[in-house]
Amino acid sequence: MTRTLVALASSVVFAVAVSAQTIDAKLSGLDGTDAAEYFALAEALHRSVPKDSNAAERAVRLYVLAYEIARERSRGGPGRAAEGFSIPASACLAIADLEPSEQRRRWLRALAERLDGRYARPPWNEPVDAPEERRARLRLAEAVGHVLAGRSRTALNRLDEPAVALAAARFAAALDSSSTPASYERLLQLAEEFRSPPCNGNRFEQTGRGNLRNTQLCPETRGDPGPSITLGERVDYLRFESLVLDATPRSWVGELATGVPPPLLDPDPDELAPTYGIDPAERLYRGGIWTRGSQPAADPPREPDP
């Protein structure tokens, strides 16, 4: 797990000691007042996720409760622990590490940045693809276009390049999840089975020489080269091209232009618990279930760090 927080020294010892046999006892010992205790137990469960299928769900609940308790006690502020790290922002990043949805991971990271500016990525630290990788992605997108245009020979030459093959392996899953017949394997099949027409996908051909040269529609394709596929499948290949050319969508408008984008989500600090269907008032674990406990009074707001 990528560590983005400064953990309490006692929390490390506490987390290591947690085992499957003692987890219920640790949960029962939580009294609903100390966000750091909830956070520490969530971290312990987080580390055991590969071995325990139920650990992820429990860890998310504990992170959410730590988030809510810390915000309550700081009256909606950053909720810093004694060591200075923001429990709410750190909880968002930890949940993002467990979240399978990329859309929700982006929302959680945006929420962490809103809660604590120290978690914001500086503009000069944006990931930049190496020139070789950018070129390979461009060649892959070109190959898709060549297949759709009926230029099979050119497409296969592109796809046979080792760097392009690696880029295709990285992005093929996005195309394979389509609801239409579109898939990377089918794209290869179309390239191999469809014979390039005499016009090589240019829609027209020229005959004659010199002043007698004549331009006319390709008699074989009638101006419509390329394999015969459905409109939905063609759109999926165009979306795939867009994804390959820009692996990280830059704007919602750009996604709208190439398909149906996910809804915009506002990083509202009050929406974390409802998003995960968790009642923050149910913070006491008694008899194997989560129950409501008394709400402690909020602490006076901390002075801002210099």
C-alpha atoms as a PDB file:
ATOM      1  CA  MET A   1       0.000   0.000   0.000  1.00  0.00           C
ATOM      2  CA  THR A   2       1.321   3.449  -0.864  1.00  0.00           C
ATOM      3  CA  ARG A   3       1.824   5.251   2.395  1.00  0.00           C
ATOM      4  CA  THR A   4       0.707   8.858   2.276  1.00  0.00           C
ATOM      5  CA  LEU A   5       0.486   9.427   6.006  1.00  0.00           C
ATOM      6  CA  VAL A   6       2.628   9.653   9.061  1.00  0.00           C
ATOM      7  CA  ALA A   7       1.374   6.820  11.293  1.00  0.00           C
ATOM      8  CA  LEU A   8       1.469   6.974  15.062  1.00  0.00           C
ATOM      9  CA  ALA A   9       4.272   4.894  16.540  1.00  0.00           C
ATOM     10  CA  SER A  10       1.854   3.154  18.860  1.00  0.00           C
ATOM     11  CA  SER A  11      -0.469   2.469  15.922  1.00  0.00           C
ATOM     12  CA  VAL A  12       2.175   0.404  14.183  1.00  0.00           C
ATOM     13  CA  VAL A  13       2.545  -1.897  17.187  1.00  0.00           C
ATOM     14  CA  PHE A  14      -1.224  -2.040  17.546  1.00  0.00           C
ATOM     15  CA  ALA A  15      -1.746  -2.883  13.869  1.00  0.00           C
ATOM     16  CA  VAL A  16       0.835  -5.660  13.777  1.00  0.00           C
ATOM     17  CA  ALA A  17      -0.740  -7.302  16.807  1.00  0.00           C
ATOM     18  CA  VAL A  18      -4.156  -7.583  15.165  1.00  0.00           C
ATOM     19  CA  SER A  19      -5.085 -11.102  14.087  1.00  0.00           C
ATOM     20  CA  ALA A  20      -8.219 -12.765  12.815  1.00  0.00           C
ATOM     21  CA  GLN A  21      -8.934 -14.127  16.313  1.00  0.00           C
ATOM     22  CA  THR A  22      -8.752 -10.767  18.063  1.00  0.00           C
ATOM     23  CA  ILE A  23     -10.338  -8.433  15.506  1.00  0.00           C
ATOM     24  CA  ASP A  24     -13.807  -8.541  17.107  1.00  0.00           C
ATOM     25  CA  ALA A  25     -12.301  -7.768  20.492  1.00  0.00           C
ATOM     26  CA  LYS A  26     -10.461  -4.779  19.052  1.00  0.00           C
ATOM     27  CA  LEU A  27     -13.637  -3.545  17.374  1.00  0.00           C
ATOM     28  CA  SER A  28     -15.593  -3.934  20.613  1.00  0.00           C
ATOM     29  CA  GLY A  29     -12.980  -1.853  22.413  1.00  0.00           C
ATOM     30  CA  LEU A  30     -13.625   1.225  20.267  1.00  0.00           C
ATOM     31  CA  ASP A  31     -15.649   3.812  22.185  1.00  0.00           C
ATOM     32  CA  GLY A  32     -16.608   6.181  19.365  1.00  0.00           C
ATOM     33  CA  THR A  33     -14.431   9.092  20.511  1.00  0.00           C
ATOM     34  CA  ASP A  34     -10.877   8.551  19.255  1.00  0.00           C
ATOM     35  CA  ALA A  35     -10.525   8.856  15.484  1.00  0.00           C
ATOM     36  CA  ALA A  36      -6.893   7.707  15.622  1.00  0.00           C
ATOM     37  CA  GLU A  37      -7.912   4.342  17.120  1.00  0.00           C
ATOM     38  CA  TYR A  38     -10.417   3.729  14.317  1.00  0.00           C
ATOM     39  CA  PHE A  39      -7.828   4.757  11.762  1.00  0.00           C
ATOM     40  CA  ALA A  40      -5.145   2.466  13.224  1.00  0.00           C
ATOM     41  CA  LEU A  41      -7.445  -0.562  13.201  1.00  0.00           C
ATOM     42  CA  ALA A  42      -8.513   0.269   9.637  1.00  0.00           C
ATOM     43  CA  GLU A  43      -4.849   0.257   8.600  1.00  0.00           C
ATOM     44  CA  ALA A  44      -4.349  -3.139  10.201  1.00  0.00           C
ATOM     45  CA  LEU A  45      -7.304  -4.550   8.298  1.00  0.00           C
ATOM     46  CA  HIS A  46      -6.115  -2.819   5.138  1.00  0.00           C
ATOM     47  CA  ARG A  47      -2.852  -4.756   5.274  1.00  0.00           C
ATOM     48  CA  SER A  48      -4.699  -8.059   5.601  1.00  0.00           C
ATOM     49  CA  VAL A  49      -7.010  -7.490   2.611  1.00  0.00           C
ATOM     50  CA  PRO A  50      -5.216  -9.994   0.311  1.00  0.00           C
ATOM     51  CA  LYS A  51      -5.753 -12.747   2.910  1.00  0.00           C
ATOM     52  CA  ASP A  52      -9.199 -11.786   4.216  1.00  0.00           C
ATOM     53  CA  SER A  53     -12.045 -11.068   1.787  1.00  0.00           C
ATOM     54  CA  ASN A  54     -14.052  -9.289   4.516  1.00  0.00           C
ATOM     55  CA  ALA A  55     -11.186  -7.047   5.585  1.00  0.00           C
ATOM     56  CA  ALA A  56     -11.711  -4.461   2.831  1.00  0.00           C
ATOM     57  CA  GLU A  57     -15.338  -3.795   3.766  1.00  0.00           C
ATOM     58  CA  ARG A  58     -14.477  -3.502   7.456  1.00  0.00           C
ATOM     59  CA  ALA A  59     -11.478  -1.279   6.717  1.00  0.00           C
ATOM     60  CA  VAL A  60     -13.590   1.096   4.628  1.00  0.00           C
ATOM     61  CA  ARG A  61     -16.169   1.391   7.420  1.00  0.00           C
ATOM     62  CA  LEU A  62     -13.473   2.155   9.976  1.00  0.00           C
ATOM     63  CA  TYR A  63     -11.840   4.728   7.707  1.00  0.00           C
ATOM     64  CA  VAL A  64     -15.208   6.417   7.209  1.00  0.00           C
ATOM     65  CA  LEU A  65     -15.878   6.456  10.959  1.00  0.00           C
ATOM     66  CA  ALA A  66     -12.386   7.845  11.660  1.00  0.00           C
ATOM     67  CA  TYR A  67     -13.101  10.507   9.029  1.00  0.00           C
ATOM     68  CA  GLU A  68     -16.427  11.487  10.595  1.00  0.00           C
ATOM     69  CA  ILE A  69     -15.189  11.465  14.196  1.00  0.00           C
ATOM     70  CA  ALA A  70     -12.152  13.582  13.349  1.00  0.00           C
ATOM     71  CA  ARG A  71     -14.278  16.123  11.492  1.00  0.00           C
ATOM     72  CA  GLU A  72     -16.821  16.276  14.327  1.00  0.00           C
ATOM     73  CA  ARG A  73     -14.207  16.889  16.966  1.00  0.00           C
ATOM     74  CA  SER A  74     -12.601  19.619  14.890  1.00  0.00           C
ATOM     75  CA  ARG A  75     -15.958  21.115  13.870  1.00  0.00           C
ATOM     76  CA  GLY A  76     -15.524  20.346  10.183  1.00  0.00           C
ATOM     77  CA  GLY A  77     -11.851  21.342  10.106  1.00  0.00           C
ATOM     78  CA  PRO A  78      -8.965  19.263   8.790  1.00  0.00           C
ATOM     79  CA  GLY A  79      -9.050  16.974  11.853  1.00  0.00           C
ATOM     80  CA  ARG A  80      -5.320  16.709  12.405  1.00  0.00           C
ATOM     81  CA  ALA A  81      -3.868  14.023  14.654  1.00  0.00           C
ATOM     82  CA  ALA A  82      -1.288  14.892  17.296  1.00  0.00           C
ATOM     83  CA  GLU A  83       1.499  14.170  14.813  1.00  0.00           C
ATOM     84  CA  GLY A  84       0.053  16.656  12.343  1.00  0.00           C
ATOM     85  CA  PHE A  85      -1.405  14.433   9.609  1.00  0.00           C
ATOM     86  CA  SER A  86      -4.998  14.982   8.585  1.00  0.00           C
ATOM     87  CA  ILE A  87      -7.099  11.960   9.506  1.00  0.00           C
ATOM     88  CA  PRO A  88     -10.012  12.818   7.134  1.00  0.00           C
ATOM     89  CA  ALA A  89      -7.763  13.446   4.126  1.00  0.00           C
ATOM     90  CA  SER A  90      -5.651  10.381   4.902  1.00  0.00           C
ATOM     91  CA  ALA A  91      -8.787   8.262   5.256  1.00  0.00           C
ATOM     92  CA  CYS A  92      -9.921   9.355   1.787  1.00  0.00           C
ATOM     93  CA  LEU A  93      -6.605   8.317   0.245  1.00  0.00           C
ATOM     94  CA  ALA A  94      -6.660   4.992   2.093  1.00  0.00           C
ATOM     95  CA  ILE A  95     -10.194   4.238   0.885  1.00  0.00           C
ATOM     96  CA  ALA A  96      -9.094   5.150  -2.643  1.00  0.00           C
ATOM     97  CA  ASP A  97      -6.435   2.447  -2.381  1.00  0.00           C
ATOM     98  CA  LEU A  98      -9.197  -0.120  -1.732  1.00  0.00           C
ATOM     99  CA  GLU A  99     -11.704   1.289  -4.231  1.00  0.00           C
ATOM    100  CA  PRO A 100     -12.018  -0.681  -7.511  1.00  0.00           C
ATOM    101  CA  SER A 101     -13.775   2.144  -9.406  1.00  0.00           C
ATOM    102  CA  GLU A 102     -11.404   4.611 -11.098  1.00  0.00           C
ATOM    103  CA  GLN A 103     -14.127   7.273 -11.122  1.00  0.00           C
ATOM    104  CA  ARG A 104     -14.598   6.992  -7.370  1.00  0.00           C
ATOM    105  CA  ARG A 105     -10.837   6.876  -6.760  1.00  0.00           C
ATOM    106  CA  ARG A 106     -10.514  10.198  -8.564  1.00  0.00           C
ATOM    107  CA  TRP A 107     -13.348  11.613  -6.456  1.00  0.00           C
ATOM    108  CA  LEU A 108     -11.692  10.446  -3.221  1.00  0.00           C
ATOM    109  CA  ARG A 109      -8.358  11.984  -4.209  1.00  0.00           C
ATOM    110  CA  ALA A 110     -10.109  15.268  -5.052  1.00  0.00           C
ATOM    111  CA  LEU A 111     -11.860  15.146  -1.679  1.00  0.00           C
ATOM    112  CA  ALA A 112      -8.533  14.625   0.121  1.00  0.00           C
ATOM    113  CA  GLU A 113      -7.074  17.634  -1.697  1.00  0.00           C
ATOM    114  CA  ARG A 114     -10.063  19.747  -0.711  1.00  0.00           C
ATOM    115  CA  LEU A 115      -9.744  18.749   2.942  1.00  0.00           C
ATOM    116  CA  ASP A 116      -5.996  19.329   3.143  1.00  0.00           C
ATOM    117  CA  GLY A 117      -4.074  21.264   0.512  1.00  0.00           C
ATOM    118  CA  ARG A 118      -0.879  19.416   1.413  1.00  0.00           C
ATOM    119  CA  TYR A 119      -2.251  16.399  -0.438  1.00  0.00           C
ATOM    120  CA  ALA A 120      -2.736  18.331  -3.684  1.00  0.00           C
ATOM    121  CA  ARG A 121      -0.401  17.345  -6.489  1.00  0.00           C
ATOM    122  CA  PRO A 122       1.737  20.297  -7.595  1.00  0.00           C
ATOM    123  CA  PRO A 123       1.219  21.167 -11.270  1.00  0.00           C
ATOM    124  CA  TRP A 124       4.853  20.481 -12.097  1.00  0.00           C
ATOM    125  CA  ASN A 125       4.527  16.953 -10.720  1.00  0.00           C
ATOM    126  CA  GLU A 126       1.962  15.711 -13.244  1.00  0.00           C
ATOM    127  CA  PRO A 127       2.994  12.343 -14.710  1.00  0.00           C
ATOM    128  CA  VAL A 128       4.414  12.640 -18.193  1.00  0.00           C
ATOM    129  CA  ASP A 129       4.724   9.692 -20.517  1.00  0.00           C
ATOM    130  CA  ALA A 130       8.161   8.961 -21.913  1.00  0.00           C
ATOM    131  CA  PRO A 131       8.520   9.998 -25.584  1.00  0.00           C
ATOM    132  CA  GLU A 132       8.797   6.341 -26.607  1.00  0.00           C
ATOM    133  CA  GLU A 133       5.531   5.462 -24.873  1.00  0.00           C
ATOM    134  CA  ARG A 134       3.715   8.435 -26.407  1.00  0.00           C
ATOM    135  CA  ARG A 135       4.938   7.409 -29.851  1.00  0.00           C
ATOM    136  CA  ALA A 136       3.820   3.803 -29.299  1.00  0.00           C
ATOM    137  CA  ARG A 137       0.339   4.954 -28.229  1.00  0.00           C
ATOM    138  CA  LEU A 138       0.115   7.189 -31.282  1.00  0.00           C
ATOM    139  CA  ARG A 139       1.118   4.297 -33.563  1.00  0.00           C
ATOM    140  CA  LEU A 140      -1.490   2.050 -31.906  1.00  0.00           C
ATOM    141  CA  ALA A 141      -4.240   4.633 -32.447  1.00  0.00           C
ATOM    142  CA  GLU A 142      -3.115   4.998 -36.065  1.00  0.00           C
ATOM    143  CA  ALA A 143      -3.306   1.224 -36.519  1.00  0.00           C
ATOM    144  CA  VAL A 144      -6.927   1.219 -35.351  1.00  0.00           C
ATOM    145  CA  GLY A 145      -7.713   3.944 -37.867  1.00  0.00           C
ATOM    146  CA  HIS A 146      -5.984   2.008 -40.627  1.00  0.00           C
ATOM    147  CA  VAL A 147      -8.072  -1.098 -39.848  1.00  0.00           C
ATOM    148  CA  LEU A 148     -11.321   0.892 -40.002  1.00  0.00           C
ATOM    149  CA  ALA A 149     -10.238   2.569 -43.246  1.00  0.00           C
ATOM    150  CA  GLY A 150      -9.395  -0.726 -44.896  1.00  0.00           C
ATOM    151  CA  ARG A 151      -5.613  -0.267 -44.938  1.00  0.00           C
ATOM    152  CA  SER A 152      -4.932  -3.699 -43.496  1.00  0.00           C
ATOM    153  CA  ARG A 153      -1.319  -4.039 -44.576  1.00  0.00           C
ATOM    154  CA  THR A 154      -0.359  -0.755 -42.943  1.00  0.00           C
ATOM    155  CA  ALA A 155      -2.325  -1.641 -39.799  1.00  0.00           C
ATOM    156  CA  LEU A 156      -0.639  -5.030 -39.392  1.00  0.00           C
ATOM    157  CA  ASN A 157       2.802  -3.479 -39.860  1.00  0.00           C
ATOM    158  CA  ARG A 158       2.009  -1.033 -37.026  1.00  0.00           C
ATOM    159  CA  LEU A 159       0.619  -3.718 -34.720  1.00  0.00           C
ATOM    160  CA  ASP A 160       3.660  -5.953 -35.244  1.00  0.00           C
ATOM    161  CA  GLU A 161       5.994  -3.339 -33.755  1.00  0.00           C
ATOM    162  CA  PRO A 162       7.136  -4.477 -30.259  1.00  0.00           C
ATOM    163  CA  ALA A 163       6.445  -1.123 -28.578  1.00  0.00           C
ATOM    164  CA  VAL A 164       2.980  -0.965 -30.119  1.00  0.00           C
ATOM    165  CA  ALA A 165       2.260  -4.527 -28.995  1.00  0.00           C
ATOM    166  CA  LEU A 166       3.153  -3.545 -25.423  1.00  0.00           C
ATOM    167  CA  ALA A 167       0.869  -0.511 -25.589  1.00  0.00           C
ATOM    168  CA  ALA A 168      -1.916  -2.706 -26.965  1.00  0.00           C
ATOM    169  CA  ALA A 169      -1.504  -5.163 -24.080  1.00  0.00           C
ATOM    170  CA  ARG A 170      -1.890  -2.265 -21.641  1.00  0.00           C
ATOM    171  CA  PHE A 171      -5.118  -0.920 -23.161  1.00  0.00           C
ATOM    172  CA  ALA A 172      -6.762  -4.041 -24.639  1.00  0.00           C
ATOM    173  CA  ALA A 173      -8.888  -4.676 -21.526  1.00  0.00           C
ATOM    174  CA  ALA A 174     -10.698  -1.358 -22.007  1.00  0.00           C
ATOM    175  CA  LEU A 175     -11.856  -2.485 -25.445  1.00  0.00           C
ATOM    176  CA  ASP A 176     -12.619  -6.061 -24.404  1.00  0.00           C
ATOM    177  CA  SER A 177     -15.164  -4.802 -21.840  1.00  0.00           C
ATOM    178  CA  SER A 178     -17.341  -3.312 -24.583  1.00  0.00           C
ATOM    179  CA  SER A 179     -20.996  -4.339 -24.845  1.00  0.00           C
ATOM    180  CA  THR A 180     -20.646  -4.618 -28.649  1.00  0.00           C
ATOM    181  CA  PRO A 181     -18.607  -7.248 -30.539  1.00  0.00           C
ATOM    182  CA  ALA A 182     -15.658  -4.837 -30.429  1.00  0.00           C
ATOM    183  CA  SER A 183     -12.534  -6.322 -28.878  1.00  0.00           C
ATOM    184  CA  TYR A 184      -8.823  -6.206 -29.501  1.00  0.00           C
ATOM    185  CA  GLU A 185      -8.833  -9.782 -30.792  1.00  0.00           C
ATOM    186  CA  ARG A 186     -11.603  -8.898 -33.237  1.00  0.00           C
ATOM    187  CA  LEU A 187      -9.644  -5.852 -34.368  1.00  0.00           C
ATOM    188  CA  LEU A 188      -6.710  -8.128 -35.220  1.00  0.00           C
ATOM    189  CA  GLN A 189      -9.076 -10.513 -36.974  1.00  0.00           C
ATOM    190  CA  LEU A 190     -10.508  -7.699 -39.092  1.00  0.00           C
ATOM    191  CA  ALA A 191      -7.020  -6.571 -40.035  1.00  0.00           C
ATOM    192  CA  GLU A 192      -5.971 -10.067 -41.060  1.00  0.00           C
ATOM    193  CA  GLU A 193      -9.141 -11.082 -42.902  1.00  0.00           C
ATOM    194  CA  PHE A 194     -10.021  -7.890 -44.717  1.00  0.00           C
ATOM    195  CA  ARG A 195      -8.078  -7.534 -47.931  1.00  0.00           C
ATOM    196  CA  SER A 196      -6.916  -3.993 -48.677  1.00  0.00           C
ATOM    197  CA  PRO A 197      -8.787  -2.684 -51.761  1.00  0.00           C
ATOM    198  CA  PRO A 198      -6.953  -1.299 -54.801  1.00  0.00           C
ATOM    199  CA  CYS A 199      -7.429   2.240 -53.465  1.00  0.00           C
ATOM    200  CA  ASN A 200      -5.742   1.183 -50.178  1.00  0.00           C
ATOM    201  CA  GLY A 201      -8.545   2.783 -48.197  1.00  0.00           C
ATOM    202  CA  ASN A 202      -8.318   6.183 -49.910  1.00  0.00           C
ATOM    203  CA  ARG A 203     -11.854   5.891 -51.409  1.00  0.00           C
ATOM    204  CA  PHE A 204     -10.712   6.834 -54.909  1.00  0.00           C
ATOM    205  CA  GLU A 205      -8.188   5.818 -57.498  1.00  0.00           C
ATOM    206  CA  GLN A 206      -6.550   7.506 -60.438  1.00  0.00           C
ATOM    207  CA  THR A 207      -6.357   6.110 -63.942  1.00  0.00           C
ATOM    208  CA  GLY A 208      -4.597   7.289 -67.065  1.00  0.00           C
ATOM    209  CA  ARG A 209      -1.458   9.393 -67.389  1.00  0.00           C
ATOM    210  CA  GLY A 210      -0.510  13.011 -67.717  1.00  0.00           C
ATOM    211  CA  ASN A 211      -3.322  15.270 -68.895  1.00  0.00           C
ATOM    212  CA  LEU A 212      -5.536  12.228 -69.365  1.00  0.00           C
ATOM    213  CA  ARG A 213      -5.362  11.288 -65.665  1.00  0.00           C
ATOM    214  CA  ASN A 214      -8.807  10.677 -64.231  1.00  0.00           C
ATOM    215  CA  THR A 215      -9.919  10.449 -60.572  1.00  0.00           C
ATOM    216  CA  GLN A 216     -12.882   8.248 -59.714  1.00  0.00           C
ATOM    217  CA  LEU A 217     -14.427   6.389 -56.811  1.00  0.00           C
ATOM    218  CA  CYS A 218     -12.837   3.050 -56.119  1.00  0.00           C
ATOM    219  CA  PRO A 219     -15.009   0.600 -58.065  1.00  0.00           C
ATOM    220  CA  GLU A 220     -14.548  -2.054 -55.379  1.00  0.00           C
ATOM    221  CA  THR A 221     -15.403  -0.041 -52.255  1.00  0.00           C
ATOM    222  CA  ARG A 222     -17.672   2.569 -53.893  1.00  0.00           C
ATOM    223  CA  GLY A 223     -16.142   5.182 -51.625  1.00  0.00           C
ATOM    224  CA  ASP A 224     -16.802   3.244 -48.422  1.00  0.00           C
ATOM    225  CA  PRO A 225     -13.653   1.240 -47.632  1.00  0.00           C
ATOM    226  CA  GLY A 226     -13.023  -0.820 -44.563  1.00  0.00           C
ATOM    227  CA  PRO A 227     -14.649  -3.848 -42.983  1.00  0.00           C
ATOM    228  CA  SER A 228     -18.411  -4.042 -42.580  1.00  0.00           C
ATOM    229  CA  ILE A 229     -19.148  -3.507 -38.884  1.00  0.00           C
ATOM    230  CA  THR A 230     -22.034  -2.025 -36.913  1.00  0.00           C
ATOM    231  CA  LEU A 231     -22.177   1.629 -35.955  1.00  0.00           C
ATOM    232  CA  GLY A 232     -21.908   0.737 -32.257  1.00  0.00           C
ATOM    233  CA  GLU A 233     -18.780  -1.310 -32.854  1.00  0.00           C
ATOM    234  CA  ARG A 234     -17.224   1.490 -34.893  1.00  0.00           C
ATOM    235  CA  VAL A 235     -17.963   3.988 -32.123  1.00  0.00           C
ATOM    236  CA  ASP A 236     -16.299   1.670 -29.596  1.00  0.00           C
ATOM    237  CA  TYR A 237     -13.144   1.562 -31.718  1.00  0.00           C
ATOM    238  CA  LEU A 238     -13.155   5.367 -31.934  1.00  0.00           C
ATOM    239  CA  ARG A 239     -13.496   5.571 -28.149  1.00  0.00           C
ATOM    240  CA  PHE A 240     -10.585   3.170 -27.857  1.00  0.00           C
ATOM    241  CA  GLU A 241      -8.494   5.451 -30.066  1.00  0.00           C
ATOM    242  CA  SER A 242      -9.373   8.397 -27.832  1.00  0.00           C
ATOM    243  CA  LEU A 243      -8.415   6.461 -24.693  1.00  0.00           C
ATOM    244  CA  VAL A 244      -5.099   5.361 -26.182  1.00  0.00           C
ATOM    245  CA  LEU A 245      -4.200   8.895 -27.252  1.00  0.00           C
ATOM    246  CA  ASP A 246      -5.046  10.357 -23.855  1.00  0.00           C
ATOM    247  CA  ALA A 247      -4.777   7.701 -21.130  1.00  0.00           C
ATOM    248  CA  THR A 248      -5.852  10.220 -18.448  1.00  0.00           C
ATOM    249  CA  PRO A 249      -8.961  12.145 -19.557  1.00  0.00           C
ATOM    250  CA  ARG A 250      -8.252  15.875 -19.318  1.00  0.00           C
ATOM    251  CA  SER A 251     -11.831  17.104 -19.150  1.00  0.00           C
ATOM    252  CA  TRP A 252     -15.398  15.950 -18.819  1.00  0.00           C
ATOM    253  CA  VAL A 253     -16.205  17.761 -22.070  1.00  0.00           C
ATOM    254  CA  GLY A 254     -13.580  15.650 -23.841  1.00  0.00           C
ATOM    255  CA  GLU A 255     -15.212  12.480 -22.522  1.00  0.00           C
ATOM    256  CA  LEU A 256     -18.626  13.795 -23.591  1.00  0.00           C
ATOM    257  CA  ALA A 257     -17.339  14.279 -27.141  1.00  0.00           C
ATOM    258  CA  THR A 258     -16.231  10.656 -27.426  1.00  0.00           C
ATOM    259  CA  GLY A 259     -19.024   8.826 -25.626  1.00  0.00           C
ATOM    260  CA  VAL A 260     -21.186   8.823 -22.524  1.00  0.00           C
ATOM    261  CA  PRO A 261     -19.112  10.133 -19.609  1.00  0.00           C
ATOM    262  CA  PRO A 262     -19.743   9.292 -15.959  1.00  0.00           C
ATOM    263  CA  PRO A 263     -21.650  11.946 -14.001  1.00  0.00           C
ATOM    264  CA  LEU A 264     -19.651  14.750 -12.462  1.00  0.00           C
ATOM    265  CA  LEU A 265     -19.142  14.229  -8.711  1.00  0.00           C
ATOM    266  CA  ASP A 266     -18.612  17.176  -6.413  1.00  0.00           C
ATOM    267  CA  PRO A 267     -15.974  16.467  -3.719  1.00  0.00           C
ATOM    268  CA  ASP A 268     -18.375  17.352  -0.897  1.00  0.00           C
ATOM    269  CA  PRO A 269     -16.938  16.414   2.535  1.00  0.00           C
ATOM    270  CA  ASP A 270     -20.442  15.552   3.782  1.00  0.00           C
ATOM    271  CA  GLU A 271     -20.953  12.909   1.087  1.00  0.00           C
ATOM    272  CA  LEU A 272     -18.324  10.320   2.058  1.00  0.00           C
ATOM    273  CA  ALA A 273     -20.464   8.316   4.478  1.00  0.00           C
ATOM    274  CA  PRO A 274     -23.624   8.396   2.296  1.00  0.00           C
ATOM    275  CA  THR A 275     -21.562   7.361  -0.732  1.00  0.00           C
ATOM    276  CA  TYR A 276     -20.542   4.161   1.061  1.00  0.00           C
ATOM    277  CA  GLY A 277     -23.932   3.633   2.712  1.00  0.00           C
ATOM    278  CA  ILE A 278     -22.544   4.024   6.230  1.00  0.00           C
ATOM    279  CA  ASP A 279     -24.392   5.673   9.110  1.00  0.00           C
ATOM    280  CA  PRO A 280     -21.678   7.599  11.006  1.00  0.00           C
ATOM    281  CA  ALA A 281     -23.773   7.464  14.178  1.00  0.00           C
ATOM    282  CA  GLU A 282     -23.396   3.667  14.257  1.00  0.00           C
ATOM    283  CA  ARG A 283     -19.849   3.671  15.559  1.00  0.00           C
ATOM    284  CA  LEU A 284     -19.964   1.184  18.449  1.00  0.00           C
ATOM    285  CA  TYR A 285     -19.394  -2.491  17.653  1.00  0.00           C
ATOM    286  CA  ARG A 286     -21.377  -4.524  20.172  1.00  0.00           C
ATOM    287  CA  GLY A 287     -22.464  -8.159  19.907  1.00  0.00           C
ATOM    288  CA  GLY A 288     -21.255  -8.444  16.341  1.00  0.00           C
ATOM    289  CA  ILE A 289     -23.218  -5.469  14.991  1.00  0.00           C
ATOM    290  CA  TRP A 290     -22.655  -1.728  14.666  1.00  0.00           C
ATOM    291  CA  THR A 291     -24.895   0.336  16.951  1.00  0.00           C
ATOM    292  CA  ARG A 292     -25.423   3.993  17.706  1.00  0.00           C
ATOM    293  CA  GLY A 293     -23.413   5.549  20.487  1.00  0.00           C
ATOM    294  CA  SER A 294     -23.492   8.867  22.274  1.00  0.00           C
ATOM    295  CA  GLN A 295     -22.144  11.800  20.281  1.00  0.00           C
ATOM    296  CA  PRO A 296     -19.195  13.401  22.106  1.00  0.00           C
ATOM    297  CA  ALA A 297     -18.912  17.130  22.302  1.00  0.00           C
ATOM    298  CA  ALA A 298     -16.647  18.702  19.716  1.00  0.00           C
ATOM    299  CA  ASP A 299     -13.213  19.850  20.814  1.00  0.00           C
ATOM    300  CA  PRO A 300     -12.290  23.514  20.454  1.00  0.00           C
ATOM    301  CA  PRO A 301     -10.810  24.216  17.013  1.00  0.00           C
ATOM    302  CA  ARG A 302      -7.036  23.852  16.822  1.00  0.00           C
ATOM    303  CA  GLU A 303      -4.871  26.795  15.965  1.00  0.00           C
ATOM    304  CA  PRO A 304      -3.688  26.593  12.339  1.00  0.00           C
ATOM    305  CA  ASP A 305      -0.186  25.290  11.853  1.00  0.00           C
ATOM    306  CA  PRO A 306       2.363  28.016  11.216  1.00  0.00           C
END
